[in-house]
PDB file of N, CA and C in Angstrom:
ATOM      1  N   UNK A   1     -53.869  69.596  -8.598  1.00  0.00           N
ATOM      2  CA  UNK A   1     -54.662  68.762  -9.803  1.00  0.00           C
ATOM      3  C   UNK A   1     -55.001  67.234  -8.444  1.00  0.00           C
ATOM      4  N   UNK A   2     -56.703  67.041  -8.389  1.00  0.00           N
ATOM      5  CA  UNK A   2     -57.021  66.198  -7.784  1.00  0.00           C
ATOM      6  C   UNK A   2     -56.808  64.996  -8.306  1.00  0.00           C
ATOM      7  N   UNK A   3     -56.963  63.650  -7.704  1.00  0.00           N
ATOM      8  CA  UNK A   3     -56.916  62.298  -8.110  1.00  0.00           C
ATOM      9  C   UNK A   3     -57.760  61.843  -9.302  1.00  0.00           C
ATOM     10  N   UNK A   4     -59.302  62.535  -9.209  1.00  0.00           N
ATOM     11  CA  UNK A   4     -60.112  62.395 -10.196  1.00  0.00           C
ATOM     12  C   UNK A   4     -59.609  62.944 -11.626  1.00  0.00           C
ATOM     13  N   UNK A   5     -58.995  63.913 -11.297  1.00  0.00           N
ATOM     14  CA  UNK A   5     -58.549  64.626 -12.889  1.00  0.00           C
ATOM     15  C   UNK A   5     -57.393  64.039 -13.426  1.00  0.00           C
ATOM     16  N   UNK A   6     -56.698  63.544 -12.522  1.00  0.00           N
ATOM     17  CA  UNK A   6     -55.449  62.781 -12.608  1.00  0.00           C
ATOM     18  C   UNK A   6     -55.620  61.254 -13.643  1.00  0.00           C
ATOM     19  N   UNK A   7     -56.621  60.575 -12.789  1.00  0.00           N
ATOM     20  CA  UNK A   7     -56.957  59.506 -13.336  1.00  0.00           C
ATOM     21  C   UNK A   7     -57.818  59.786 -14.766  1.00  0.00           C
ATOM     22  N   UNK A   8     -58.876  60.944 -15.019  1.00  0.00           N
ATOM     23  CA  UNK A   8     -59.350  61.283 -16.164  1.00  0.00           C
ATOM     24  C   UNK A   8     -58.191  61.307 -17.317  1.00  0.00           C
ATOM     25  N   UNK A   9     -57.130  61.913 -17.243  1.00  0.00           N
ATOM     26  CA  UNK A   9     -56.506  62.333 -18.031  1.00  0.00           C
ATOM     27  C   UNK A   9     -55.350  61.348 -18.549  1.00  0.00           C
ATOM     28  N   UNK A  10     -55.254  60.129 -17.593  1.00  0.00           N
ATOM     29  CA  UNK A  10     -54.444  59.468 -17.773  1.00  0.00           C
ATOM     30  C   UNK A  10     -54.960  57.829 -18.390  1.00  0.00           C
ATOM     31  N   UNK A  11     -56.134  57.798 -18.275  1.00  0.00           N
ATOM     32  CA  UNK A  11     -56.682  56.622 -19.242  1.00  0.00           C
ATOM     33  C   UNK A  11     -57.883  56.946 -20.162  1.00  0.00           C
ATOM     34  N   UNK A  12     -57.874  55.940 -21.107  1.00  0.00           N
ATOM     35  CA  UNK A  12     -59.200  56.034 -21.701  1.00  0.00           C
ATOM     36  C   UNK A  12     -60.500  56.511 -20.997  1.00  0.00           C
ATOM     37  N   UNK A  13     -61.381  57.045 -21.730  1.00  0.00           N
ATOM     38  CA  UNK A  13     -62.757  57.697 -21.188  1.00  0.00           C
ATOM     39  C   UNK A  13     -63.697  56.327 -21.011  1.00  0.00           C
ATOM     40  N   UNK A  14     -64.205  56.333 -19.858  1.00  0.00           N
ATOM     41  CA  UNK A  14     -64.971  55.679 -19.438  1.00  0.00           C
ATOM     42  C   UNK A  14     -64.595  53.958 -19.164  1.00  0.00           C
ATOM     43  N   UNK A  15     -63.280  53.973 -18.809  1.00  0.00           N
ATOM     44  CA  UNK A  15     -62.610  52.984 -18.441  1.00  0.00           C
ATOM     45  C   UNK A  15     -62.264  52.278 -17.076  1.00  0.00           C
ATOM     46  N   UNK A  16     -62.253  53.486 -16.110  1.00  0.00           N
ATOM     47  CA  UNK A  16     -61.990  53.380 -14.839  1.00  0.00           C
ATOM     48  C   UNK A  16     -62.765  52.672 -13.993  1.00  0.00           C
ATOM     49  N   UNK A  17     -62.180  51.641 -13.235  1.00  0.00           N
ATOM     50  CA  UNK A  17     -62.825  50.648 -12.726  1.00  0.00           C
ATOM     51  C   UNK A  17     -62.304  50.745 -11.062  1.00  0.00           C
ATOM     52  N   UNK A  18     -62.771  51.638 -10.416  1.00  0.00           N
ATOM     53  CA  UNK A  18     -61.979  51.525  -8.809  1.00  0.00           C
ATOM     54  C   UNK A  18     -61.929  50.160  -8.110  1.00  0.00           C
ATOM     55  N   UNK A  19     -60.944  50.188  -7.149  1.00  0.00           N
ATOM     56  CA  UNK A  19     -61.006  49.369  -6.266  1.00  0.00           C
ATOM     57  C   UNK A  19     -60.988  49.479  -4.927  1.00  0.00           C
ATOM     58  N   UNK A  20     -61.397  48.610  -3.890  1.00  0.00           N
ATOM     59  CA  UNK A  20     -61.069  48.791  -2.380  1.00  0.00           C
ATOM     60  C   UNK A  20     -61.535  50.164  -1.908  1.00  0.00           C
ATOM     61  N   UNK A  21     -62.542  50.993  -2.405  1.00  0.00           N
ATOM     62  CA  UNK A  21     -63.484  51.790  -2.142  1.00  0.00           C
ATOM     63  C   UNK A  21     -63.738  51.924  -0.824  1.00  0.00           C
ATOM     64  N   UNK A  22     -64.166  50.820  -0.333  1.00  0.00           N
ATOM     65  CA  UNK A  22     -65.036  50.370   0.975  1.00  0.00           C
ATOM     66  C   UNK A  22     -64.014  50.206   2.139  1.00  0.00           C
ATOM     67  N   UNK A  23     -62.398  50.424   1.732  1.00  0.00           N
ATOM     68  CA  UNK A  23     -61.642  50.220   2.710  1.00  0.00           C
ATOM     69  C   UNK A  23     -61.404  51.850   3.350  1.00  0.00           C
ATOM     70  N   UNK A  24     -61.481  51.927   4.545  1.00  0.00           N
ATOM     71  CA  UNK A  24     -61.077  53.196   5.775  1.00  0.00           C
ATOM     72  C   UNK A  24     -60.234  53.035   6.510  1.00  0.00           C
ATOM     73  N   UNK A  25     -59.758  53.815   6.927  1.00  0.00           N
ATOM     74  CA  UNK A  25     -58.715  53.610   8.177  1.00  0.00           C
ATOM     75  C   UNK A  25     -59.923  53.685   9.803  1.00  0.00           C
ATOM     76  N   UNK A  26     -59.444  53.088  10.537  1.00  0.00           N
ATOM     77  CA  UNK A  26     -59.936  53.233  11.952  1.00  0.00           C
ATOM     78  C   UNK A  26     -58.844  54.480  12.679  1.00  0.00           C
ATOM     79  N   UNK A  27     -59.106  54.467  13.876  1.00  0.00           N
ATOM     80  CA  UNK A  27     -58.297  55.127  14.823  1.00  0.00           C
ATOM     81  C   UNK A  27     -57.995  54.300  16.245  1.00  0.00           C
ATOM     82  N   UNK A  28     -57.124  53.016  15.576  1.00  0.00           N
ATOM     83  CA  UNK A  28     -57.107  51.973  16.731  1.00  0.00           C
ATOM     84  C   UNK A  28     -56.628  52.056  17.946  1.00  0.00           C
ATOM     85  N   UNK A  29     -55.636  53.469  18.025  1.00  0.00           N
ATOM     86  CA  UNK A  29     -55.089  53.719  19.083  1.00  0.00           C
ATOM     87  C   UNK A  29     -55.792  55.078  19.735  1.00  0.00           C
ATOM     88  N   UNK A  30     -56.605  55.594  19.079  1.00  0.00           N
ATOM     89  CA  UNK A  30     -57.659  56.436  19.473  1.00  0.00           C
ATOM     90  C   UNK A  30     -56.746  58.081  19.702  1.00  0.00           C
ATOM     91  N   UNK A  31     -56.095  58.444  18.380  1.00  0.00           N
ATOM     92  CA  UNK A  31     -54.658  59.490  18.315  1.00  0.00           C
ATOM     93  C   UNK A  31     -55.575  60.645  18.747  1.00  0.00           C
ATOM     94  N   UNK A  32     -55.169  61.237  19.803  1.00  0.00           N
ATOM     95  CA  UNK A  32     -55.558  62.624  20.085  1.00  0.00           C
ATOM     96  C   UNK A  32     -54.679  63.735  20.030  1.00  0.00           C
ATOM     97  N   UNK A  33     -55.290  64.883  19.588  1.00  0.00           N
ATOM     98  CA  UNK A  33     -54.400  65.989  19.291  1.00  0.00           C
ATOM     99  C   UNK A  33     -55.061  67.236  20.246  1.00  0.00           C
ATOM    100  N   UNK A  34     -54.158  68.120  20.327  1.00  0.00           N
ATOM    101  CA  UNK A  34     -54.922  69.732  20.894  1.00  0.00           C
ATOM    102  C   UNK A  34     -55.499  70.271  20.176  1.00  0.00           C
ATOM    103  N   UNK A  35     -55.766  70.031  18.867  1.00  0.00           N
ATOM    104  CA  UNK A  35     -56.326  70.636  17.658  1.00  0.00           C
ATOM    105  C   UNK A  35     -57.599  69.818  17.334  1.00  0.00           C
ATOM    106  N   UNK A  36     -58.067  69.478  16.392  1.00  0.00           N
ATOM    107  CA  UNK A  36     -59.373  69.015  16.020  1.00  0.00           C
ATOM    108  C   UNK A  36     -59.526  67.479  16.010  1.00  0.00           C
ATOM    109  N   UNK A  37     -60.259  67.069  16.770  1.00  0.00           N
ATOM    110  CA  UNK A  37     -59.978  65.403  16.920  1.00  0.00           C
ATOM    111  C   UNK A  37     -59.781  64.677  15.621  1.00  0.00           C
ATOM    112  N   UNK A  38     -59.042  63.867  16.021  1.00  0.00           N
ATOM    113  CA  UNK A  38     -58.435  62.829  14.345  1.00  0.00           C
ATOM    114  C   UNK A  38     -59.183  62.562  13.482  1.00  0.00           C
ATOM    115  N   UNK A  39     -60.481  61.790  14.156  1.00  0.00           N
ATOM    116  CA  UNK A  39     -61.772  61.272  13.373  1.00  0.00           C
ATOM    117  C   UNK A  39     -62.382  62.449  13.060  1.00  0.00           C
ATOM    118  N   UNK A  40     -62.629  63.475  13.353  1.00  0.00           N
ATOM    119  CA  UNK A  40     -63.248  64.438  12.915  1.00  0.00           C
ATOM    120  C   UNK A  40     -62.509  65.241  11.788  1.00  0.00           C
ATOM    121  N   UNK A  41     -61.481  65.123  11.812  1.00  0.00           N
ATOM    122  CA  UNK A  41     -60.736  65.987  10.780  1.00  0.00           C
ATOM    123  C   UNK A  41     -60.627  64.899   9.322  1.00  0.00           C
ATOM    124  N   UNK A  42     -60.774  63.420  10.193  1.00  0.00           N
ATOM    125  CA  UNK A  42     -60.975  62.441   8.543  1.00  0.00           C
ATOM    126  C   UNK A  42     -62.033  62.319   8.139  1.00  0.00           C
ATOM    127  N   UNK A  43     -63.309  62.742   8.871  1.00  0.00           N
ATOM    128  CA  UNK A  43     -64.449  62.880   8.308  1.00  0.00           C
ATOM    129  C   UNK A  43     -64.804  64.100   7.387  1.00  0.00           C
ATOM    130  N   UNK A  44     -63.801  65.263   7.808  1.00  0.00           N
ATOM    131  CA  UNK A  44     -64.289  66.366   7.020  1.00  0.00           C
ATOM    132  C   UNK A  44     -63.475  66.551   6.112  1.00  0.00           C
ATOM    133  N   UNK A  45     -62.280  65.389   5.389  1.00  0.00           N
ATOM    134  CA  UNK A  45     -61.452  65.213   4.235  1.00  0.00           C
ATOM    135  C   UNK A  45     -62.516  64.402   3.736  1.00  0.00           C
ATOM    136  N   UNK A  46     -62.781  63.508   4.162  1.00  0.00           N
ATOM    137  CA  UNK A  46     -63.587  62.276   3.455  1.00  0.00           C
ATOM    138  C   UNK A  46     -64.857  63.406   2.676  1.00  0.00           C
ATOM    139  N   UNK A  47     -65.517  64.198   3.512  1.00  0.00           N
ATOM    140  CA  UNK A  47     -66.571  65.093   2.975  1.00  0.00           C
ATOM    141  C   UNK A  47     -66.348  65.845   1.953  1.00  0.00           C
ATOM    142  N   UNK A  48     -65.208  66.758   2.119  1.00  0.00           N
ATOM    143  CA  UNK A  48     -64.337  67.390   1.118  1.00  0.00           C
ATOM    144  C   UNK A  48     -63.986  66.795  -0.374  1.00  0.00           C
ATOM    145  N   UNK A  49     -63.436  65.868  -0.103  1.00  0.00           N
ATOM    146  CA  UNK A  49     -62.749  65.401  -1.480  1.00  0.00           C
ATOM    147  C   UNK A  49     -63.431  64.188  -2.075  1.00  0.00           C
ATOM    148  N   UNK A  50     -64.578  63.881  -1.305  1.00  0.00           N
ATOM    149  CA  UNK A  50     -65.046  62.741  -2.173  1.00  0.00           C
ATOM    150  C   UNK A  50     -64.346  61.234  -2.096  1.00  0.00           C
ATOM    151  N   UNK A  51     -63.489  61.261  -0.974  1.00  0.00           N
ATOM    152  CA  UNK A  51     -62.444  60.189  -0.970  1.00  0.00           C
ATOM    153  C   UNK A  51     -62.733  59.710   0.080  1.00  0.00           C
ATOM    154  N   UNK A  52     -62.310  58.028   0.775  1.00  0.00           N
ATOM    155  CA  UNK A  52     -62.235  57.618   1.738  1.00  0.00           C
ATOM    156  C   UNK A  52     -60.803  57.538   2.657  1.00  0.00           C
ATOM    157  N   UNK A  53     -59.991  57.742   1.685  1.00  0.00           N
ATOM    158  CA  UNK A  53     -58.507  57.814   1.760  1.00  0.00           C
ATOM    159  C   UNK A  53     -57.564  58.740   0.944  1.00  0.00           C
ATOM    160  N   UNK A  54     -56.556  59.152   0.804  1.00  0.00           N
ATOM    161  CA  UNK A  54     -55.980  59.591   0.419  1.00  0.00           C
ATOM    162  C   UNK A  54     -55.158  58.783  -0.774  1.00  0.00           C
ATOM    163  N   UNK A  55     -55.595  57.751  -1.372  1.00  0.00           N
ATOM    164  CA  UNK A  55     -55.247  57.239  -2.563  1.00  0.00           C
ATOM    165  C   UNK A  55     -56.288  56.502  -3.165  1.00  0.00           C
ATOM    166  N   UNK A  56     -56.164  56.668  -4.503  1.00  0.00           N
ATOM    167  CA  UNK A  56     -57.621  55.876  -5.416  1.00  0.00           C
ATOM    168  C   UNK A  56     -56.879  54.652  -6.233  1.00  0.00           C
ATOM    169  N   UNK A  57     -57.230  53.654  -5.867  1.00  0.00           N
ATOM    170  CA  UNK A  57     -56.571  52.507  -6.740  1.00  0.00           C
ATOM    171  C   UNK A  57     -57.644  51.862  -8.066  1.00  0.00           C
ATOM    172  N   UNK A  58     -57.231  51.417  -8.896  1.00  0.00           N
ATOM    173  CA  UNK A  58     -58.141  50.934  -9.784  1.00  0.00           C
ATOM    174  C   UNK A  58     -57.793  50.159 -11.049  1.00  0.00           C
ATOM    175  N   UNK A  59     -58.637  50.004 -12.353  1.00  0.00           N
ATOM    176  CA  UNK A  59     -58.070  49.602 -13.229  1.00  0.00           C
ATOM    177  C   UNK A  59     -58.765  50.357 -14.452  1.00  0.00           C
ATOM    178  N   UNK A  60     -57.868  50.505 -15.154  1.00  0.00           N
ATOM    179  CA  UNK A  60     -58.444  51.608 -16.432  1.00  0.00           C
ATOM    180  C   UNK A  60     -57.649  50.851 -17.588  1.00  0.00           C
ATOM    181  N   UNK A  61     -57.807  51.358 -18.691  1.00  0.00           N
ATOM    182  CA  UNK A  61     -57.497  51.197 -19.800  1.00  0.00           C
ATOM    183  C   UNK A  61     -56.621  52.384 -20.507  1.00  0.00           C
ATOM    184  N   UNK A  62     -55.332  52.625 -20.930  1.00  0.00           N
ATOM    185  CA  UNK A  62     -54.268  53.388 -21.523  1.00  0.00           C
ATOM    186  C   UNK A  62     -54.383  52.746 -23.210  1.00  0.00           C
ATOM    187  N   UNK A  63     -54.985  52.948 -24.256  1.00  0.00           N
ATOM    188  CA  UNK A  63     -54.869  53.007 -25.900  1.00  0.00           C
ATOM    189  C   UNK A  63     -55.613  51.657 -25.960  1.00  0.00           C
ATOM    190  N   UNK A  64     -56.320  51.215 -25.034  1.00  0.00           N
ATOM    191  CA  UNK A  64     -57.073  49.754 -24.981  1.00  0.00           C
ATOM    192  C   UNK A  64     -56.414  48.624 -24.093  1.00  0.00           C
ATOM    193  N   UNK A  65     -55.222  49.277 -23.288  1.00  0.00           N
ATOM    194  CA  UNK A  65     -54.512  48.359 -23.096  1.00  0.00           C
ATOM    195  C   UNK A  65     -54.466  48.204 -21.452  1.00  0.00           C
ATOM    196  N   UNK A  66     -55.303  47.138 -20.825  1.00  0.00           N
ATOM    197  CA  UNK A  66     -55.359  47.292 -19.460  1.00  0.00           C
ATOM    198  C   UNK A  66     -54.279  47.732 -18.415  1.00  0.00           C
ATOM    199  N   UNK A  67     -54.623  48.529 -17.464  1.00  0.00           N
ATOM    200  CA  UNK A  67     -53.413  49.068 -16.501  1.00  0.00           C
ATOM    201  C   UNK A  67     -53.978  49.051 -14.880  1.00  0.00           C
ATOM    202  N   UNK A  68     -53.211  48.559 -14.156  1.00  0.00           N
ATOM    203  CA  UNK A  68     -53.608  48.981 -12.739  1.00  0.00           C
ATOM    204  C   UNK A  68     -53.194  50.235 -12.127  1.00  0.00           C
ATOM    205  N   UNK A  69     -53.798  51.340 -11.490  1.00  0.00           N
ATOM    206  CA  UNK A  69     -53.418  52.085 -11.020  1.00  0.00           C
ATOM    207  C   UNK A  69     -53.665  52.856  -9.764  1.00  0.00           C
ATOM    208  N   UNK A  70     -52.290  53.590  -9.196  1.00  0.00           N
ATOM    209  CA  UNK A  70     -52.733  53.726  -7.985  1.00  0.00           C
ATOM    210  C   UNK A  70     -52.317  55.478  -7.733  1.00  0.00           C
ATOM    211  N   UNK A  71     -53.208  56.521  -7.424  1.00  0.00           N
ATOM    212  CA  UNK A  71     -53.104  58.081  -7.319  1.00  0.00           C
ATOM    213  C   UNK A  71     -53.604  58.635  -5.864  1.00  0.00           C
ATOM    214  N   UNK A  72     -52.084  58.990  -5.515  1.00  0.00           N
ATOM    215  CA  UNK A  72     -52.372  59.960  -4.315  1.00  0.00           C
ATOM    216  C   UNK A  72     -52.980  61.086  -4.340  1.00  0.00           C
ATOM    217  N   UNK A  73     -54.304  61.548  -3.427  1.00  0.00           N
ATOM    218  CA  UNK A  73     -54.423  62.689  -3.550  1.00  0.00           C
ATOM    219  C   UNK A  73     -54.159  63.690  -2.214  1.00  0.00           C
ATOM    220  N   UNK A  74     -53.026  64.658  -2.986  1.00  0.00           N
ATOM    221  CA  UNK A  74     -52.637  65.717  -1.619  1.00  0.00           C
ATOM    222  C   UNK A  74     -53.772  66.359  -1.027  1.00  0.00           C
ATOM    223  N   UNK A  75     -54.873  66.579  -1.740  1.00  0.00           N
ATOM    224  CA  UNK A  75     -55.918  67.120  -1.157  1.00  0.00           C
ATOM    225  C   UNK A  75     -56.616  66.627   0.162  1.00  0.00           C
ATOM    226  N   UNK A  76     -56.198  65.534   0.835  1.00  0.00           N
ATOM    227  CA  UNK A  76     -56.920  64.560   1.710  1.00  0.00           C
ATOM    228  C   UNK A  76     -55.550  64.627   2.158  1.00  0.00           C
ATOM    229  N   UNK A  77     -55.479  65.291   3.488  1.00  0.00           N
ATOM    230  CA  UNK A  77     -54.384  65.396   4.877  1.00  0.00           C
ATOM    231  C   UNK A  77     -52.806  65.185   3.963  1.00  0.00           C
ATOM    232  N   UNK A  78     -52.925  66.202   2.715  1.00  0.00           N
ATOM    233  CA  UNK A  78     -51.592  66.069   2.534  1.00  0.00           C
ATOM    234  C   UNK A  78     -50.897  64.779   2.060  1.00  0.00           C
ATOM    235  N   UNK A  79     -51.958  63.561   1.356  1.00  0.00           N
ATOM    236  CA  UNK A  79     -51.219  62.435   0.811  1.00  0.00           C
ATOM    237  C   UNK A  79     -50.763  61.720   1.987  1.00  0.00           C
ATOM    238  N   UNK A  80     -51.179  61.905   3.138  1.00  0.00           N
ATOM    239  CA  UNK A  80     -50.621  61.385   4.379  1.00  0.00           C
ATOM    240  C   UNK A  80     -51.052  59.487   4.070  1.00  0.00           C
ATOM    241  N   UNK A  81     -49.984  59.018   4.686  1.00  0.00           N
ATOM    242  CA  UNK A  81     -49.910  57.800   4.620  1.00  0.00           C
ATOM    243  C   UNK A  81     -50.625  56.434   5.970  1.00  0.00           C
ATOM    244  N   UNK A  82     -51.816  56.451   5.881  1.00  0.00           N
ATOM    245  CA  UNK A  82     -52.428  55.524   6.963  1.00  0.00           C
ATOM    246  C   UNK A  82     -52.213  54.061   6.719  1.00  0.00           C
ATOM    247  N   UNK A  83     -52.787  53.202   7.568  1.00  0.00           N
ATOM    248  CA  UNK A  83     -52.673  51.684   7.434  1.00  0.00           C
ATOM    249  C   UNK A  83     -53.463  51.357   5.990  1.00  0.00           C
ATOM    250  N   UNK A  84     -54.673  51.999   5.900  1.00  0.00           N
ATOM    251  CA  UNK A  84     -55.172  51.537   4.740  1.00  0.00           C
ATOM    252  C   UNK A  84     -54.436  51.807   3.202  1.00  0.00           C
ATOM    253  N   UNK A  85     -53.931  53.206   3.270  1.00  0.00           N
ATOM    254  CA  UNK A  85     -53.010  53.247   1.970  1.00  0.00           C
ATOM    255  C   UNK A  85     -52.148  52.396   1.598  1.00  0.00           C
ATOM    256  N   UNK A  86     -51.475  51.849   3.078  1.00  0.00           N
ATOM    257  CA  UNK A  86     -50.353  51.282   2.568  1.00  0.00           C
ATOM    258  C   UNK A  86     -50.606  49.923   2.073  1.00  0.00           C
ATOM    259  N   UNK A  87     -51.967  49.121   2.572  1.00  0.00           N
ATOM    260  CA  UNK A  87     -52.681  47.934   2.155  1.00  0.00           C
ATOM    261  C   UNK A  87     -53.217  48.163   0.900  1.00  0.00           C
ATOM    262  N   UNK A  88     -53.842  49.204   0.432  1.00  0.00           N
ATOM    263  CA  UNK A  88     -53.920  49.394  -1.010  1.00  0.00           C
ATOM    264  C   UNK A  88     -53.070  49.188  -2.102  1.00  0.00           C
TER     265      UNK A  88
END
């Protein structure tokens, strides 16, 4: 189940207000692997999932009560935690 689906099932319809969508991980140590370059992998996951990071954070309502929500999405690098996920 995607994080979008989980959020939709967890809160009142039309109450989702995402936070920190502009936060994205950089590659400050220029991580290299023998496979596809890290930056290319991130770009691919962002395109395929419509997410910038493996976690969505925001405010919604459940039965009219405001709540803060953080939902990990396994479809984005298996929910791998980078610096921004921890910061969110």
